[in-house]
Amino acid sequence: MFVTVGVAFFTVGTVGLIRLPDRRSRLHALTKADNLGLGLVVLGLALVSGSVASALLMVAVWILALGASATTAALLASDRTEDR
């Protein structure tokens, strides 16, 4: 169930990336939906894995992805050039 909802959030983020008009709106939709989607996928897979070590590893990857997406979005949003 969690994995399915997570994939739905990934899909909504992708649609937002394609349909929204400017760079900051696209980044907002993509980072928010993808971070929540990845968290839900990790939660679903951690419940199924049956191993605490693999669940902790998946959570660590999710935390690293949160940091990477926030940093990347901030760098892309701070670019002073106009959208083309």
N, C-alpha and C. Protein backbone atom coordinates (compact mmCIF):
# COMPACT_ATOMS: atom_id res chain seq x y z
N MET A 1 0.81 -1.19 0.00
CA MET A 1 0.00 0.00 0.00
C MET A 1 0.86 1.27 0.00
N PHE A 2 1.87 1.32 0.89
CA PHE A 2 2.73 2.50 0.95
C PHE A 2 3.50 2.70 -0.36
N VAL A 3 3.94 1.60 -0.95
CA VAL A 3 4.70 1.70 -2.20
C VAL A 3 3.82 2.25 -3.31
N THR A 4 2.59 1.82 -3.37
CA THR A 4 1.67 2.30 -4.40
C THR A 4 1.40 3.79 -4.25
N VAL A 5 1.17 4.23 -3.03
CA VAL A 5 0.93 5.66 -2.79
C VAL A 5 2.20 6.46 -3.10
N GLY A 6 3.37 5.91 -2.76
CA GLY A 6 4.63 6.58 -3.08
C GLY A 6 4.83 6.75 -4.57
N VAL A 7 4.51 5.71 -5.33
CA VAL A 7 4.62 5.80 -6.79
C VAL A 7 3.63 6.83 -7.34
N ALA A 8 2.46 6.93 -6.72
CA ALA A 8 1.49 7.95 -7.14
C ALA A 8 2.06 9.35 -6.91
N PHE A 9 2.75 9.57 -5.79
CA PHE A 9 3.37 10.87 -5.55
C PHE A 9 4.47 11.15 -6.58
N PHE A 10 5.25 10.14 -6.94
CA PHE A 10 6.26 10.32 -7.99
C PHE A 10 5.59 10.74 -9.30
N THR A 11 4.47 10.12 -9.62
CA THR A 11 3.75 10.45 -10.85
C THR A 11 3.24 11.89 -10.82
N VAL A 12 2.68 12.31 -9.69
CA VAL A 12 2.18 13.68 -9.57
C VAL A 12 3.34 14.68 -9.68
N GLY A 13 4.48 14.35 -9.09
CA GLY A 13 5.65 15.23 -9.21
C GLY A 13 6.12 15.36 -10.64
N THR A 14 6.08 14.28 -11.38
CA THR A 14 6.49 14.31 -12.78
C THR A 14 5.52 15.14 -13.61
N VAL A 15 4.23 14.99 -13.35
CA VAL A 15 3.24 15.80 -14.06
C VAL A 15 3.44 17.28 -13.74
N GLY A 16 3.74 17.59 -12.48
CA GLY A 16 4.03 18.98 -12.10
C GLY A 16 5.25 19.52 -12.80
N LEU A 17 6.26 18.68 -12.96
CA LEU A 17 7.47 19.09 -13.67
C LEU A 17 7.17 19.45 -15.12
N ILE A 18 6.28 18.72 -15.72
CA ILE A 18 5.96 18.94 -17.14
C ILE A 18 4.99 20.11 -17.32
N ARG A 19 4.02 20.25 -16.43
CA ARG A 19 2.92 21.19 -16.67
C ARG A 19 3.07 22.57 -16.06
N LEU A 20 3.85 22.74 -15.02
CA LEU A 20 3.92 24.04 -14.36
C LEU A 20 4.75 25.03 -15.18
N PRO A 21 4.45 26.33 -15.04
CA PRO A 21 4.99 27.31 -15.98
C PRO A 21 6.44 27.74 -15.76
N ASP A 22 6.88 27.93 -14.52
CA ASP A 22 8.22 28.47 -14.33
C ASP A 22 9.09 27.51 -13.53
N ARG A 23 10.36 27.84 -13.48
CA ARG A 23 11.36 26.97 -12.88
C ARG A 23 11.10 26.71 -11.40
N ARG A 24 10.79 27.74 -10.65
CA ARG A 24 10.61 27.57 -9.20
C ARG A 24 9.38 26.74 -8.88
N SER A 25 8.32 26.91 -9.64
CA SER A 25 7.12 26.08 -9.44
C SER A 25 7.40 24.63 -9.75
N ARG A 26 8.12 24.39 -10.83
CA ARG A 26 8.47 23.01 -11.20
C ARG A 26 9.35 22.36 -10.14
N LEU A 27 10.33 23.12 -9.64
CA LEU A 27 11.21 22.58 -8.59
C LEU A 27 10.44 22.28 -7.32
N HIS A 28 9.52 23.15 -6.96
CA HIS A 28 8.73 22.94 -5.76
C HIS A 28 7.89 21.67 -5.88
N ALA A 29 7.20 21.53 -6.99
CA ALA A 29 6.37 20.34 -7.18
C ALA A 29 7.21 19.07 -7.19
N LEU A 30 8.33 19.13 -7.86
CA LEU A 30 9.16 17.94 -8.00
C LEU A 30 9.80 17.54 -6.68
N THR A 31 10.37 18.49 -5.96
CA THR A 31 11.07 18.12 -4.72
C THR A 31 10.09 17.67 -3.64
N LYS A 32 8.97 18.35 -3.50
CA LYS A 32 8.02 17.96 -2.46
C LYS A 32 7.42 16.59 -2.75
N ALA A 33 6.95 16.38 -3.96
CA ALA A 33 6.31 15.11 -4.28
C ALA A 33 7.31 13.96 -4.28
N ASP A 34 8.50 14.18 -4.79
CA ASP A 34 9.47 13.09 -4.85
C ASP A 34 10.00 12.73 -3.47
N ASN A 35 10.19 13.72 -2.60
CA ASN A 35 10.66 13.41 -1.25
C ASN A 35 9.61 12.61 -0.46
N LEU A 36 8.37 13.01 -0.56
CA LEU A 36 7.31 12.27 0.11
C LEU A 36 7.12 10.90 -0.53
N GLY A 37 7.17 10.83 -1.85
CA GLY A 37 7.04 9.56 -2.53
C GLY A 37 8.14 8.59 -2.16
N LEU A 38 9.38 9.07 -2.11
CA LEU A 38 10.49 8.20 -1.72
C LEU A 38 10.34 7.74 -0.28
N GLY A 39 9.89 8.62 0.60
CA GLY A 39 9.67 8.23 1.99
C GLY A 39 8.63 7.14 2.12
N LEU A 40 7.55 7.25 1.36
CA LEU A 40 6.51 6.22 1.41
C LEU A 40 6.99 4.90 0.82
N VAL A 41 7.75 4.96 -0.26
CA VAL A 41 8.30 3.73 -0.84
C VAL A 41 9.26 3.07 0.14
N VAL A 42 10.11 3.87 0.78
CA VAL A 42 11.05 3.33 1.77
C VAL A 42 10.29 2.70 2.93
N LEU A 43 9.24 3.37 3.41
CA LEU A 43 8.45 2.83 4.50
C LEU A 43 7.82 1.49 4.12
N GLY A 44 7.24 1.43 2.93
CA GLY A 44 6.64 0.18 2.48
C GLY A 44 7.65 -0.94 2.32
N LEU A 45 8.81 -0.64 1.76
CA LEU A 45 9.83 -1.67 1.58
C LEU A 45 10.47 -2.07 2.90
N ALA A 46 10.59 -1.13 3.84
CA ALA A 46 11.15 -1.46 5.15
C ALA A 46 10.23 -2.40 5.91
N LEU A 47 8.93 -2.21 5.77
CA LEU A 47 7.99 -3.11 6.44
C LEU A 47 8.03 -4.52 5.85
N VAL A 48 8.30 -4.62 4.57
CA VAL A 48 8.33 -5.92 3.91
C VAL A 48 9.68 -6.63 4.07
N SER A 49 10.75 -5.86 4.25
CA SER A 49 12.09 -6.44 4.23
C SER A 49 12.32 -7.44 5.35
N GLY A 50 11.81 -7.19 6.53
CA GLY A 50 11.99 -8.12 7.63
C GLY A 50 13.33 -8.03 8.32
N SER A 51 14.19 -7.15 7.87
CA SER A 51 15.51 -6.99 8.45
C SER A 51 15.67 -5.55 8.92
N VAL A 52 16.08 -5.40 10.16
CA VAL A 52 16.27 -4.05 10.70
C VAL A 52 17.44 -3.36 10.01
N ALA A 53 18.49 -4.11 9.69
CA ALA A 53 19.67 -3.52 9.04
C ALA A 53 19.32 -2.97 7.66
N SER A 54 18.56 -3.71 6.88
CA SER A 54 18.20 -3.22 5.55
C SER A 54 17.22 -2.06 5.64
N ALA A 55 16.33 -2.07 6.64
CA ALA A 55 15.40 -0.95 6.83
C ALA A 55 16.17 0.32 7.20
N LEU A 56 17.16 0.19 8.07
CA LEU A 56 17.97 1.35 8.45
C LEU A 56 18.79 1.87 7.27
N LEU A 57 19.27 0.97 6.43
CA LEU A 57 20.01 1.38 5.24
C LEU A 57 19.11 2.15 4.27
N MET A 58 17.88 1.68 4.11
CA MET A 58 16.94 2.38 3.23
C MET A 58 16.60 3.76 3.78
N VAL A 59 16.44 3.87 5.09
CA VAL A 59 16.16 5.17 5.71
C VAL A 59 17.36 6.11 5.53
N ALA A 60 18.57 5.56 5.65
CA ALA A 60 19.78 6.38 5.45
C ALA A 60 19.85 6.90 4.02
N VAL A 61 19.50 6.08 3.05
CA VAL A 61 19.49 6.52 1.65
C VAL A 61 18.43 7.60 1.45
N TRP A 62 17.28 7.44 2.10
CA TRP A 62 16.22 8.44 1.99
C TRP A 62 16.68 9.78 2.57
N ILE A 63 17.36 9.75 3.72
CA ILE A 63 17.85 10.99 4.34
C ILE A 63 18.88 11.66 3.44
N LEU A 64 19.77 10.88 2.84
CA LEU A 64 20.75 11.45 1.91
C LEU A 64 20.06 12.06 0.68
N ALA A 65 19.03 11.40 0.20
CA ALA A 65 18.28 11.93 -0.95
C ALA A 65 17.56 13.22 -0.59
N LEU A 66 17.04 13.32 0.64
CA LEU A 66 16.41 14.57 1.08
C LEU A 66 17.40 15.73 1.05
N GLY A 67 18.60 15.49 1.57
CA GLY A 67 19.62 16.53 1.58
C GLY A 67 20.07 16.91 0.18
N ALA A 68 20.23 15.91 -0.67
CA ALA A 68 20.68 16.17 -2.04
C ALA A 68 19.62 16.94 -2.84
N SER A 69 18.36 16.58 -2.68
CA SER A 69 17.33 17.28 -3.45
C SER A 69 17.14 18.72 -2.97
N ALA A 70 17.24 18.93 -1.66
CA ALA A 70 17.12 20.30 -1.15
C ALA A 70 18.28 21.17 -1.63
N THR A 71 19.47 20.63 -1.60
CA THR A 71 20.64 21.39 -2.06
C THR A 71 20.56 21.68 -3.54
N THR A 72 20.21 20.70 -4.32
CA THR A 72 20.10 20.87 -5.76
C THR A 72 19.01 21.88 -6.12
N ALA A 73 17.86 21.77 -5.46
CA ALA A 73 16.78 22.71 -5.75
C ALA A 73 17.17 24.14 -5.39
N ALA A 74 17.87 24.31 -4.28
CA ALA A 74 18.31 25.65 -3.89
C ALA A 74 19.30 26.22 -4.89
N LEU A 75 20.20 25.40 -5.37
CA LEU A 75 21.17 25.87 -6.36
C LEU A 75 20.50 26.22 -7.68
N LEU A 76 19.56 25.41 -8.12
CA LEU A 76 18.88 25.69 -9.38
C LEU A 76 17.96 26.91 -9.26
N ALA A 77 17.33 27.09 -8.11
CA ALA A 77 16.42 28.21 -7.93
C ALA A 77 17.16 29.54 -7.79
N SER A 78 18.40 29.51 -7.32
CA SER A 78 19.13 30.75 -7.11
C SER A 78 19.78 31.28 -8.39
N ASP A 79 19.72 30.54 -9.48
CA ASP A 79 20.27 31.00 -10.74
C ASP A 79 19.52 32.24 -11.19
N ARG A 80 20.24 33.28 -11.51
CA ARG A 80 19.63 34.58 -11.82
C ARG A 80 19.22 34.73 -13.29
N THR A 81 19.46 33.75 -14.12
CA THR A 81 19.07 33.87 -15.53
C THR A 81 17.57 33.65 -15.67
N GLU A 82 17.00 34.22 -16.69
CA GLU A 82 15.58 34.09 -16.95
C GLU A 82 15.28 32.73 -17.54
N ASP A 83 14.05 32.26 -17.36
CA ASP A 83 13.61 31.01 -17.99
C ASP A 83 13.58 31.19 -19.49
N ARG A 84 13.94 30.16 -20.18
CA ARG A 84 13.97 30.25 -21.64
C ARG A 84 12.87 29.47 -22.26
